[in-house]
Amino acid sequence: MRVALLSYRSLPHGGGQGVYVRHLSRALARAGHTVEVFSGQPYPVLDDLPGGEAPDARTLPEGSGSITLTPVPSLDLYREPDPFRTPRLGELRDLVDVEEVLTMRAGGFPEPRTFSLRVARMLAERADEFDVVHDNQTLGAGLLDVERVLPVVTTVHHPITVDRRVEIAAAPRLREGSLRRLSLRRWYGFLGMQARVARASRVLVCPSEAAAADVVREFGVDPARVRVVPLGVEEHFVPPAQPRVPGRIVALASADAPMKGVATLLRAVAGLRESGREVELVLVCRPRPGGPTERLVAELDLGDSVRFVHGLDVEDLVALMGSAEVGCVPSLYEGFSLPTAELMACATPLVVSAAGAIPEVVGPDGLCADQVPPGDEAALEKALARLLDDPDRRARYGTAARERARSLFTWEAVAERTAAVHAETVAAWHAAPPRPGRRSRALVPTRLTAAPAAPPLGPPGTGGVPSDPLPAPLQEDLRADR
């Protein structure tokens, strides 16, 4: 197969999109397929590409396919160190760029739509070079035009309507909370488009049965169009060679995202401290300075018991996971939770929330993890204490976790099942091709010769966006380092 793999942003060491694109492209190429990744900024780090930023391809070992990276430049409005910047007039190339700026200035998140429009133009001119297009949760309007010229498969890790609901529910009830809820609704404005595109999509791939059920419910998708393909774990994740650190708990989560349950975990750790246990919590995340996580750590007086780390390479991350006596996944929802499977591959015993797809990943309660109700800090504290106090139970859980991860979650299996979905979709598309339609006006390149600067939409100095414009569920892919 000649596969065009789309990802509107692919942060290499943070969030799930860059991880998914890197490992799926590698596994497909090793299986003999030709993969060309089309990505907006930040660009992914891909195997056999120098630094993940150069567009030239390197061929994988003999008998394999190949991987190519084709940049699809956006205006990169969320880049560090100046996120939510206002670009210079000379940077605007066409009306899609104008739309991107205006949507951002109005407090929305434009990238899924604008990326899809840009990549649709590119694919329309190169349709004879590919057999199938695989979209990584862009669900942008431009994909409906792509479907007219090529079969399209879309991976939906989970419907972000769930994130929106949790974020809005977590907003304070006072006037400040009302402004926050308004900000969130504006930011999540792209979800209506994603739901429409999902309903019109020929085939959707979800990483778990829970995510598939949620996509059907939240987006109104026909269940017959959904295929479940679990994610894989990189082979570098192995049990530790060194002894584990007594009392150490490790968790990977976007620190300020209510959906990730970090506040619940911090309160549980505070309870462990009050009971006299010597514990250390290492959180792989980068909390926002002065944000809710940092404030809660100070409020609970956990400064000497909680440590934040970020920007870890794979070797350091594996070492950290293997150093924990207990791994914890306190999320209120997950569509799969790759960090859970990675901790399992490191033979780290777990305490997890029974939320979303997490029970699917860890198996029955008591096999390789203790499961607790999501958001229940008392139950989480009790489960952590029980596992920390029982070395035999930890050893049993760790062995079972390792065996389950290596038997169920491999990228080779992901590639095999994904390729089968590709073949099924290509056959169905050619058997019943879509009706020809007029090309969307948004896809017709329109050069921008001049345009007035957009007026500020917010108070002076804010760039027209709310003071806290990043909803936490998207921080993983927009700002946080893994």
Protein backbone atom coordinates (compact mmCIF):
# COMPACT_ATOMS: atom_id res chain seq x y z
CA MET A 1 0.00 0.00 0.00
CA ARG A 2 1.03 3.59 -0.65
CA VAL A 3 -0.24 5.39 2.44
CA ALA A 4 -0.63 9.13 3.04
CA LEU A 5 -0.63 9.49 6.85
CA LEU A 6 -2.04 12.84 8.02
CA SER A 7 -1.42 14.55 11.37
CA TYR A 8 -2.26 18.21 11.91
CA ARG A 9 0.39 18.45 14.65
CA SER A 10 2.87 15.82 15.80
CA LEU A 11 4.73 16.99 18.90
CA PRO A 12 7.57 14.44 19.08
CA HIS A 13 7.91 14.07 22.87
CA GLY A 14 4.53 15.19 24.17
CA GLY A 15 0.99 14.05 23.72
CA GLY A 16 -0.17 11.05 21.77
CA GLN A 17 -0.26 12.32 18.18
CA GLY A 18 3.48 12.42 17.56
CA VAL A 19 3.97 9.06 19.28
CA TYR A 20 1.21 7.43 17.23
CA VAL A 21 2.48 8.81 13.92
CA ARG A 22 6.06 7.76 14.56
CA HIS A 23 5.33 4.19 15.56
CA LEU A 24 2.52 3.50 13.13
CA SER A 25 4.57 4.80 10.18
CA ARG A 26 7.57 2.73 11.24
CA ALA A 27 5.54 -0.45 11.73
CA LEU A 28 3.75 -0.04 8.40
CA ALA A 29 7.04 0.59 6.61
CA ARG A 30 8.66 -2.46 8.20
CA ALA A 31 5.72 -4.48 6.94
CA GLY A 32 6.54 -3.35 3.40
CA HIS A 33 4.23 -0.37 2.91
CA THR A 34 5.26 3.04 1.61
CA VAL A 35 4.26 5.79 4.05
CA GLU A 36 4.34 9.53 3.43
CA VAL A 37 3.55 11.56 6.54
CA PHE A 38 1.87 14.93 5.97
CA SER A 39 2.16 16.98 9.16
CA GLY A 40 1.79 20.51 10.39
CA GLN A 41 4.05 22.02 13.04
CA PRO A 42 5.43 20.75 15.30
CA TYR A 43 6.75 18.14 12.91
CA PRO A 44 7.21 14.54 14.08
CA VAL A 45 10.40 12.66 14.72
CA LEU A 46 10.21 9.72 12.32
CA ASP A 47 12.48 6.71 12.12
CA ASP A 48 15.03 6.88 9.33
CA LEU A 49 14.55 10.60 8.88
CA PRO A 50 17.27 12.94 10.16
CA GLY A 51 15.79 14.79 13.12
CA GLY A 52 12.26 14.29 11.85
CA GLU A 53 12.24 17.66 10.10
CA ALA A 54 13.80 17.07 6.69
CA PRO A 55 11.42 16.16 3.88
CA ASP A 56 13.83 13.72 2.20
CA ALA A 57 13.23 9.98 2.72
CA ARG A 58 15.62 7.27 3.75
CA THR A 59 14.85 3.71 2.86
CA LEU A 60 14.38 1.26 5.72
CA PRO A 61 16.31 -2.03 5.74
CA GLU A 62 15.97 -4.37 2.77
CA GLY A 63 12.54 -5.94 2.45
CA SER A 64 10.83 -2.95 4.07
CA GLY A 65 8.89 -0.04 2.70
CA SER A 66 9.86 3.57 3.26
CA ILE A 67 8.90 6.67 5.24
CA THR A 68 8.80 10.22 3.90
CA LEU A 69 7.90 13.42 5.73
CA THR A 70 6.12 16.17 3.81
CA PRO A 71 5.67 19.34 5.88
CA VAL A 72 2.31 21.11 5.64
CA PRO A 73 3.27 24.45 7.18
CA SER A 74 0.70 26.32 9.20
CA LEU A 75 1.26 29.76 10.71
CA ASP A 76 2.50 27.91 13.83
CA LEU A 77 0.45 30.16 16.10
CA TYR A 78 1.03 28.02 19.21
CA ARG A 79 4.79 27.69 19.02
CA GLU A 80 7.05 28.30 21.97
CA PRO A 81 8.15 30.72 23.28
CA ASP A 82 5.42 32.96 21.82
CA PRO A 83 2.15 31.00 21.65
CA PHE A 84 -0.94 32.86 20.42
CA ARG A 85 1.25 35.24 18.49
CA THR A 86 -0.10 37.61 15.83
CA PRO A 87 1.77 36.91 12.58
CA ARG A 88 3.10 39.67 10.36
CA LEU A 89 1.03 40.58 7.32
CA GLY A 90 3.78 39.24 5.07
CA GLU A 91 3.37 35.76 6.59
CA LEU A 92 -0.20 35.43 5.31
CA ARG A 93 -0.17 33.42 2.09
CA ASP A 94 -3.87 32.90 1.33
CA LEU A 95 -7.37 32.99 2.80
CA VAL A 96 -6.80 29.78 4.79
CA ASP A 97 -4.05 31.62 6.67
CA VAL A 98 -6.43 34.51 7.31
CA GLU A 99 -9.04 32.09 8.65
CA GLU A 100 -6.44 30.53 10.95
CA VAL A 101 -5.50 33.87 12.47
CA LEU A 102 -9.06 35.12 12.87
CA THR A 103 -10.23 31.88 14.49
CA MET A 104 -7.34 31.98 16.95
CA ARG A 105 -7.98 35.65 17.74
CA ALA A 106 -11.63 34.83 18.40
CA GLY A 107 -10.60 32.23 20.97
CA GLY A 108 -11.12 29.16 18.75
CA PHE A 109 -8.75 26.38 17.75
CA PRO A 110 -8.37 26.46 13.96
CA GLU A 111 -5.72 23.82 13.21
CA PRO A 112 -7.86 20.75 12.43
CA ARG A 113 -9.86 22.66 9.80
CA THR A 114 -7.05 24.70 8.27
CA PHE A 115 -4.67 21.73 8.09
CA SER A 116 -7.34 19.65 6.35
CA LEU A 117 -7.87 22.38 3.75
CA ARG A 118 -4.15 22.69 3.05
CA VAL A 119 -3.53 18.96 2.80
CA ALA A 120 -6.62 18.47 0.61
CA ARG A 121 -5.10 20.81 -1.97
CA MET A 122 -1.86 18.83 -1.92
CA LEU A 123 -3.54 15.45 -2.24
CA ALA A 124 -5.84 16.60 -5.03
CA GLU A 125 -2.74 17.22 -7.14
CA ARG A 126 -1.11 13.91 -6.18
CA ALA A 127 -4.05 11.50 -5.99
CA ASP A 128 -2.42 8.98 -8.35
CA GLU A 129 0.54 8.59 -5.96
CA PHE A 130 -1.42 6.98 -3.10
CA ASP A 131 -3.74 4.06 -2.50
CA VAL A 132 -5.23 5.27 0.79
CA VAL A 133 -5.22 8.28 3.10
CA HIS A 134 -5.04 7.67 6.86
CA ASP A 135 -6.02 10.67 8.97
CA ASN A 136 -4.91 10.91 12.60
CA GLN A 137 -7.94 12.58 14.28
CA THR A 138 -7.93 15.74 12.20
CA LEU A 139 -11.56 15.21 11.16
CA GLY A 140 -11.34 18.47 9.24
CA ALA A 141 -13.77 19.58 6.54
CA GLY A 142 -11.14 19.23 3.81
CA LEU A 143 -11.18 15.44 4.26
CA LEU A 144 -14.62 15.32 2.63
CA ASP A 145 -12.97 16.61 -0.55
CA VAL A 146 -10.09 14.15 -0.18
CA GLU A 147 -12.62 11.30 -0.04
CA ARG A 148 -13.75 12.22 -3.57
CA VAL A 149 -10.34 11.32 -5.00
CA LEU A 150 -8.92 8.77 -2.53
CA PRO A 151 -10.19 6.32 0.10
CA VAL A 152 -9.89 7.78 3.60
CA VAL A 153 -9.49 6.01 6.97
CA THR A 154 -9.58 8.15 10.13
CA THR A 155 -8.23 7.25 13.56
CA VAL A 156 -10.26 8.75 16.40
CA HIS A 157 -8.46 8.16 19.71
CA HIS A 158 -11.53 9.41 21.54
CA PRO A 159 -14.20 12.06 20.95
CA ILE A 160 -13.01 15.35 22.42
CA THR A 161 -16.57 16.17 23.36
CA VAL A 162 -15.75 14.21 26.53
CA ASP A 163 -12.85 16.56 27.28
CA ARG A 164 -15.08 19.58 26.75
CA ARG A 165 -17.69 18.25 29.15
CA VAL A 166 -15.14 17.55 31.90
CA GLU A 167 -13.44 20.93 31.40
CA ILE A 168 -16.68 22.88 31.59
CA ALA A 169 -17.83 20.95 34.66
CA ALA A 170 -14.54 21.77 36.39
CA ALA A 171 -14.91 25.53 35.88
CA PRO A 172 -15.80 27.50 39.04
CA ARG A 173 -19.42 28.54 39.56
CA LEU A 174 -18.56 32.22 40.09
CA ARG A 175 -18.29 34.98 37.44
CA GLU A 176 -14.75 33.90 36.63
CA GLY A 177 -16.06 30.42 35.96
CA SER A 178 -18.70 31.78 33.58
CA LEU A 179 -16.00 33.49 31.54
CA ARG A 180 -13.96 30.30 31.60
CA ARG A 181 -16.91 28.25 30.34
CA LEU A 182 -17.49 30.76 27.55
CA SER A 183 -13.80 30.55 26.63
CA LEU A 184 -13.97 26.76 26.53
CA ARG A 185 -17.05 26.74 24.29
CA ARG A 186 -15.31 29.07 21.86
CA TRP A 187 -12.14 26.96 21.90
CA TYR A 188 -14.01 23.73 21.29
CA GLY A 189 -15.97 25.20 18.39
CA PHE A 190 -14.22 22.78 16.01
CA LEU A 191 -16.09 19.83 17.51
CA GLY A 192 -19.22 20.43 15.44
CA MET A 193 -17.10 20.06 12.31
CA GLN A 194 -15.44 16.92 13.64
CA ALA A 195 -18.81 15.32 14.39
CA ARG A 196 -20.07 16.08 10.87
CA VAL A 197 -16.93 14.70 9.23
CA ALA A 198 -16.98 11.60 11.45
CA ARG A 199 -20.59 10.84 10.44
CA ALA A 200 -19.64 11.20 6.76
CA SER A 201 -16.46 9.11 7.05
CA ARG A 202 -16.36 5.71 5.40
CA VAL A 203 -14.26 3.98 8.10
CA LEU A 204 -13.13 5.09 11.58
CA VAL A 205 -10.44 3.35 13.63
CA CYS A 206 -10.60 3.52 17.45
CA PRO A 207 -8.00 2.15 19.91
CA SER A 208 -10.50 0.49 22.25
CA GLU A 209 -14.06 -0.74 22.51
CA ALA A 210 -14.77 2.05 24.99
CA ALA A 211 -13.53 4.72 22.58
CA ALA A 212 -15.54 3.15 19.76
CA ALA A 213 -18.74 3.22 21.83
CA ASP A 214 -18.08 6.84 22.77
CA VAL A 215 -17.50 7.86 19.15
CA VAL A 216 -20.77 6.22 18.15
CA ARG A 217 -22.64 7.95 20.98
CA GLU A 218 -21.00 11.38 20.89
CA PHE A 219 -20.65 11.83 17.13
CA GLY A 220 -23.67 9.84 15.95
CA VAL A 221 -21.49 7.51 13.87
CA ASP A 222 -22.86 4.30 12.35
CA PRO A 223 -21.32 1.47 14.48
CA ALA A 224 -20.79 -0.62 11.34
CA ARG A 225 -18.19 1.91 10.18
CA VAL A 226 -15.99 1.62 13.28
CA ARG A 227 -13.00 -0.74 13.61
CA VAL A 228 -11.06 -1.31 16.86
CA VAL A 229 -7.25 -1.48 16.64
CA PRO A 230 -5.45 -1.19 20.02
CA LEU A 231 -2.18 0.73 20.24
CA GLY A 232 1.28 -0.75 20.67
CA VAL A 233 4.20 -0.37 23.05
CA GLU A 234 7.70 0.37 21.85
CA GLU A 235 10.21 -2.43 22.43
CA HIS A 236 12.41 -0.14 24.56
CA PHE A 237 9.94 -0.42 27.46
CA VAL A 238 11.36 -3.29 29.51
CA PRO A 239 11.57 -4.25 33.21
CA PRO A 240 14.31 -2.48 35.19
CA ALA A 241 17.74 -3.92 35.82
CA GLN A 242 18.11 -1.85 39.01
CA PRO A 243 16.09 -2.12 42.25
CA ARG A 244 12.97 0.04 42.43
CA VAL A 245 12.99 3.11 44.66
CA PRO A 246 11.06 2.45 47.90
CA GLY A 247 7.89 4.50 48.18
CA ARG A 248 8.13 5.97 44.68
CA ILE A 249 4.90 6.49 42.70
CA VAL A 250 5.13 7.51 39.03
CA ALA A 251 2.34 9.00 36.92
CA LEU A 252 2.27 10.46 33.40
CA ALA A 253 -0.39 13.09 32.86
CA SER A 254 -1.03 16.57 31.57
CA ALA A 255 -0.70 18.35 34.90
CA ASP A 256 -3.44 20.96 34.64
CA ALA A 257 -6.00 18.84 32.80
CA PRO A 258 -8.96 18.03 35.07
CA MET A 259 -9.63 14.92 32.98
CA LYS A 260 -6.24 13.46 33.93
CA GLY A 261 -7.09 13.31 37.64
CA VAL A 262 -3.84 14.82 38.92
CA ALA A 263 -5.66 16.72 41.67
CA THR A 264 -7.19 13.46 42.92
CA LEU A 265 -3.76 11.84 42.97
CA LEU A 266 -2.17 14.77 44.82
CA ARG A 267 -4.84 14.61 47.52
CA ALA A 268 -4.36 10.86 47.84
CA VAL A 269 -0.60 11.35 48.25
CA ALA A 270 -1.26 14.00 50.90
CA GLY A 271 -3.36 11.42 52.74
CA LEU A 272 -0.52 8.89 52.55
CA ARG A 273 1.83 11.48 54.01
CA GLU A 274 -0.58 12.25 56.85
CA SER A 275 -0.72 8.55 57.70
CA GLY A 276 3.04 8.55 58.19
CA ARG A 277 4.18 6.89 54.94
CA GLU A 278 7.33 8.06 53.23
CA VAL A 279 6.30 8.44 49.60
CA GLU A 280 7.63 10.29 46.58
CA LEU A 281 5.40 11.17 43.64
CA VAL A 282 7.13 11.77 40.30
CA LEU A 283 4.83 13.35 37.71
CA VAL A 284 5.96 13.31 34.09
CA CYS A 285 4.48 16.61 32.98
CA ARG A 286 5.12 20.34 32.96
CA PRO A 287 2.60 22.24 35.07
CA ARG A 288 1.75 25.79 34.14
CA PRO A 289 3.60 28.21 36.44
CA GLY A 290 1.15 29.40 39.05
CA GLY A 291 -1.52 27.09 37.63
CA PRO A 292 -3.93 24.85 39.53
CA THR A 293 -1.48 21.98 40.00
CA GLU A 294 1.28 24.15 41.45
CA ARG A 295 -1.23 25.88 43.72
CA LEU A 296 -2.59 22.56 44.98
CA VAL A 297 0.91 21.23 45.70
CA ALA A 298 1.55 24.31 47.83
CA GLU A 299 -1.85 24.11 49.52
CA LEU A 300 -1.27 20.46 50.48
CA ASP A 301 2.33 21.18 51.56
CA LEU A 302 3.68 18.51 49.19
CA GLY A 303 6.68 20.44 47.94
CA ASP A 304 9.17 17.92 49.33
CA SER A 305 7.18 14.88 48.17
CA VAL A 306 6.25 15.77 44.58
CA ARG A 307 8.66 16.15 41.68
CA PHE A 308 7.86 17.20 38.10
CA VAL A 309 10.00 16.06 35.17
CA HIS A 310 9.56 16.64 31.46
CA GLY A 311 11.45 16.47 28.17
CA LEU A 312 12.65 12.91 28.87
CA ASP A 313 14.05 10.80 26.06
CA VAL A 314 12.86 7.20 25.77
CA GLU A 315 15.73 5.73 27.78
CA ASP A 316 15.20 8.11 30.69
CA LEU A 317 11.44 7.56 30.60
CA VAL A 318 11.87 3.78 30.69
CA ALA A 319 14.30 4.10 33.60
CA LEU A 320 11.85 6.29 35.50
CA MET A 321 8.93 3.93 34.92
CA GLY A 322 11.05 1.02 36.06
CA SER A 323 12.15 2.85 39.20
CA ALA A 324 8.62 3.08 40.61
CA GLU A 325 7.24 0.71 43.17
CA VAL A 326 3.80 1.68 41.91
CA GLY A 327 2.55 3.37 38.75
CA CYS A 328 -0.67 5.35 38.93
CA VAL A 329 -3.19 6.32 36.24
CA PRO A 330 -5.85 8.49 37.96
CA SER A 331 -7.60 9.74 34.79
CA LEU A 332 -11.30 10.47 34.70
CA TYR A 333 -11.35 9.22 31.10
CA GLU A 334 -8.99 7.66 28.55
CA GLY A 335 -9.58 6.46 25.01
CA PHE A 336 -6.71 3.98 25.44
CA SER A 337 -3.90 5.32 27.70
CA LEU A 338 -0.61 4.42 26.09
CA PRO A 339 1.36 5.35 29.27
CA THR A 340 -0.60 2.63 31.09
CA ALA A 341 0.53 0.01 28.58
CA GLU A 342 4.11 1.34 28.74
CA LEU A 343 4.16 1.06 32.53
CA MET A 344 2.87 -2.48 32.17
CA ALA A 345 5.67 -3.33 29.73
CA CYS A 346 8.11 -2.11 32.40
CA ALA A 347 6.53 -4.64 34.82
CA THR A 348 5.39 -1.80 37.06
CA PRO A 349 2.36 -2.69 39.25
CA LEU A 350 -0.49 -0.25 38.90
CA VAL A 351 -3.33 1.53 40.62
CA VAL A 352 -5.72 2.90 38.00
CA SER A 353 -9.10 4.55 37.61
CA ALA A 354 -11.80 2.31 36.21
CA ALA A 355 -12.53 4.94 33.56
CA GLY A 356 -12.90 4.81 29.80
CA ALA A 357 -10.66 2.21 28.18
CA ILE A 358 -8.29 1.77 31.13
CA PRO A 359 -9.95 -1.47 32.31
CA GLU A 360 -9.58 -2.85 28.77
CA VAL A 361 -5.87 -2.12 28.86
CA VAL A 362 -5.10 -3.55 32.32
CA GLY A 363 -7.54 -6.46 32.24
CA PRO A 364 -9.64 -7.71 35.18
CA ASP A 365 -9.30 -5.97 38.53
CA GLY A 366 -6.53 -7.64 40.52
CA LEU A 367 -4.64 -9.06 37.53
CA CYS A 368 -1.98 -6.40 37.07
CA ALA A 369 -3.68 -3.39 38.63
CA ASP A 370 -6.05 -2.36 41.38
CA GLN A 371 -8.94 -0.37 39.95
CA VAL A 372 -10.70 2.45 41.82
CA PRO A 373 -13.64 4.71 40.96
CA PRO A 374 -12.45 7.77 38.99
CA GLY A 375 -12.14 10.91 41.09
CA ASP A 376 -12.38 9.03 44.42
CA GLU A 377 -9.35 10.25 46.37
CA ALA A 378 -10.10 8.12 49.45
CA ALA A 379 -10.31 4.93 47.37
CA LEU A 380 -7.14 5.89 45.50
CA GLU A 381 -5.25 6.54 48.75
CA LYS A 382 -6.37 3.19 50.18
CA ALA A 383 -5.37 1.29 47.02
CA LEU A 384 -1.95 2.95 46.86
CA ALA A 385 -1.29 2.18 50.53
CA ARG A 386 -2.34 -1.43 50.08
CA LEU A 387 -0.03 -1.98 47.11
CA LEU A 388 2.92 -0.12 48.65
CA ASP A 389 2.60 -2.33 51.75
CA ASP A 390 2.47 -5.64 49.84
CA PRO A 391 5.69 -6.57 47.96
CA ASP A 392 4.38 -9.98 46.92
CA ARG A 393 1.30 -8.41 45.35
CA ARG A 394 3.48 -5.87 43.53
CA ALA A 395 5.68 -8.64 42.13
CA ARG A 396 2.66 -10.62 40.95
CA TYR A 397 1.06 -7.59 39.32
CA GLY A 398 4.32 -6.62 37.63
CA THR A 399 4.83 -10.06 36.09
CA ALA A 400 1.25 -10.20 34.83
CA ALA A 401 1.47 -6.64 33.49
CA ARG A 402 4.59 -7.38 31.49
CA GLU A 403 3.11 -10.53 30.00
CA ARG A 404 -0.14 -8.79 29.06
CA ALA A 405 1.60 -5.81 27.44
CA ARG A 406 3.95 -7.91 25.32
CA SER A 407 1.21 -10.30 24.19
CA LEU A 408 -1.49 -7.74 23.32
CA PHE A 409 0.11 -4.38 22.57
CA THR A 410 2.76 -4.52 19.84
CA TRP A 411 3.17 -2.10 16.95
CA GLU A 412 3.63 -5.04 14.58
CA ALA A 413 0.09 -6.18 15.45
CA VAL A 414 -1.15 -2.59 15.07
CA ALA A 415 0.38 -2.39 11.57
CA GLU A 416 -1.11 -5.72 10.52
CA ARG A 417 -4.62 -4.82 11.67
CA THR A 418 -4.37 -1.28 10.30
CA ALA A 419 -3.24 -2.56 6.90
CA ALA A 420 -6.24 -4.88 6.86
CA VAL A 421 -8.52 -1.87 7.45
CA HIS A 422 -6.73 -0.03 4.64
CA ALA A 423 -7.29 -2.92 2.24
CA GLU A 424 -10.96 -3.21 3.23
CA THR A 425 -11.52 0.52 2.76
CA VAL A 426 -9.75 0.66 -0.61
CA ALA A 427 -11.84 -2.25 -1.92
CA ALA A 428 -15.09 -0.67 -0.70
CA TRP A 429 -14.18 2.74 -2.16
CA HIS A 430 -13.47 1.30 -5.61
CA ALA A 431 -16.59 -0.85 -5.48
CA ALA A 432 -18.76 2.16 -4.62
CA PRO A 433 -16.83 5.34 -5.37
CA PRO A 434 -18.23 8.63 -4.08
CA ARG A 435 -20.24 10.78 -6.41
CA PRO A 436 -18.28 13.53 -8.14
CA GLY A 437 -18.85 16.87 -6.52
CA ARG A 438 -17.85 20.44 -6.96
CA ARG A 439 -14.60 21.27 -5.28
CA SER A 440 -15.05 23.26 -2.11
CA ARG A 441 -14.34 26.96 -2.56
CA ALA A 442 -12.02 26.73 0.45
CA LEU A 443 -9.78 24.35 -1.52
CA VAL A 444 -9.26 26.68 -4.44
CA PRO A 445 -5.91 28.43 -3.83
CA THR A 446 -6.47 32.14 -3.42
CA ARG A 447 -3.36 34.24 -3.09
CA LEU A 448 -3.53 37.01 -0.55
CA THR A 449 -2.23 40.31 -1.86
CA ALA A 450 -3.24 42.53 1.01
CA ALA A 451 -5.39 42.32 4.09
CA PRO A 452 -6.03 44.61 7.02
CA ALA A 453 -4.70 43.61 10.39
CA ALA A 454 -7.36 41.98 12.55
CA PRO A 455 -8.47 44.18 15.45
CA PRO A 456 -7.95 42.86 18.96
CA LEU A 457 -10.90 40.89 20.29
CA GLY A 458 -9.89 41.03 23.93
CA PRO A 459 -8.35 43.46 26.40
CA PRO A 460 -5.13 45.22 25.39
CA GLY A 461 -2.11 43.00 25.70
CA THR A 462 -4.03 39.73 25.54
CA GLY A 463 -3.73 39.18 21.81
CA GLY A 464 -7.49 38.91 21.67
CA VAL A 465 -7.67 35.59 23.55
CA PRO A 466 -8.68 34.74 27.10
CA SER A 467 -5.94 34.87 29.74
CA ASP A 468 -6.06 31.09 30.10
CA PRO A 469 -6.91 30.03 26.54
CA LEU A 470 -5.50 26.49 26.47
CA PRO A 471 -8.03 23.85 27.51
CA ALA A 472 -6.08 21.20 29.35
CA PRO A 473 -6.97 18.20 27.15
CA LEU A 474 -5.12 19.81 24.24
CA GLN A 475 -2.12 20.90 26.30
CA GLU A 476 -0.52 17.51 25.72
CA ASP A 477 -0.31 18.20 22.01
CA LEU A 478 0.10 21.96 22.15
CA ARG A 479 2.56 22.67 24.95
CA ALA A 480 3.43 19.91 27.42
CA ASP A 481 6.57 17.85 27.07
CA ARG A 482 6.20 14.17 27.74
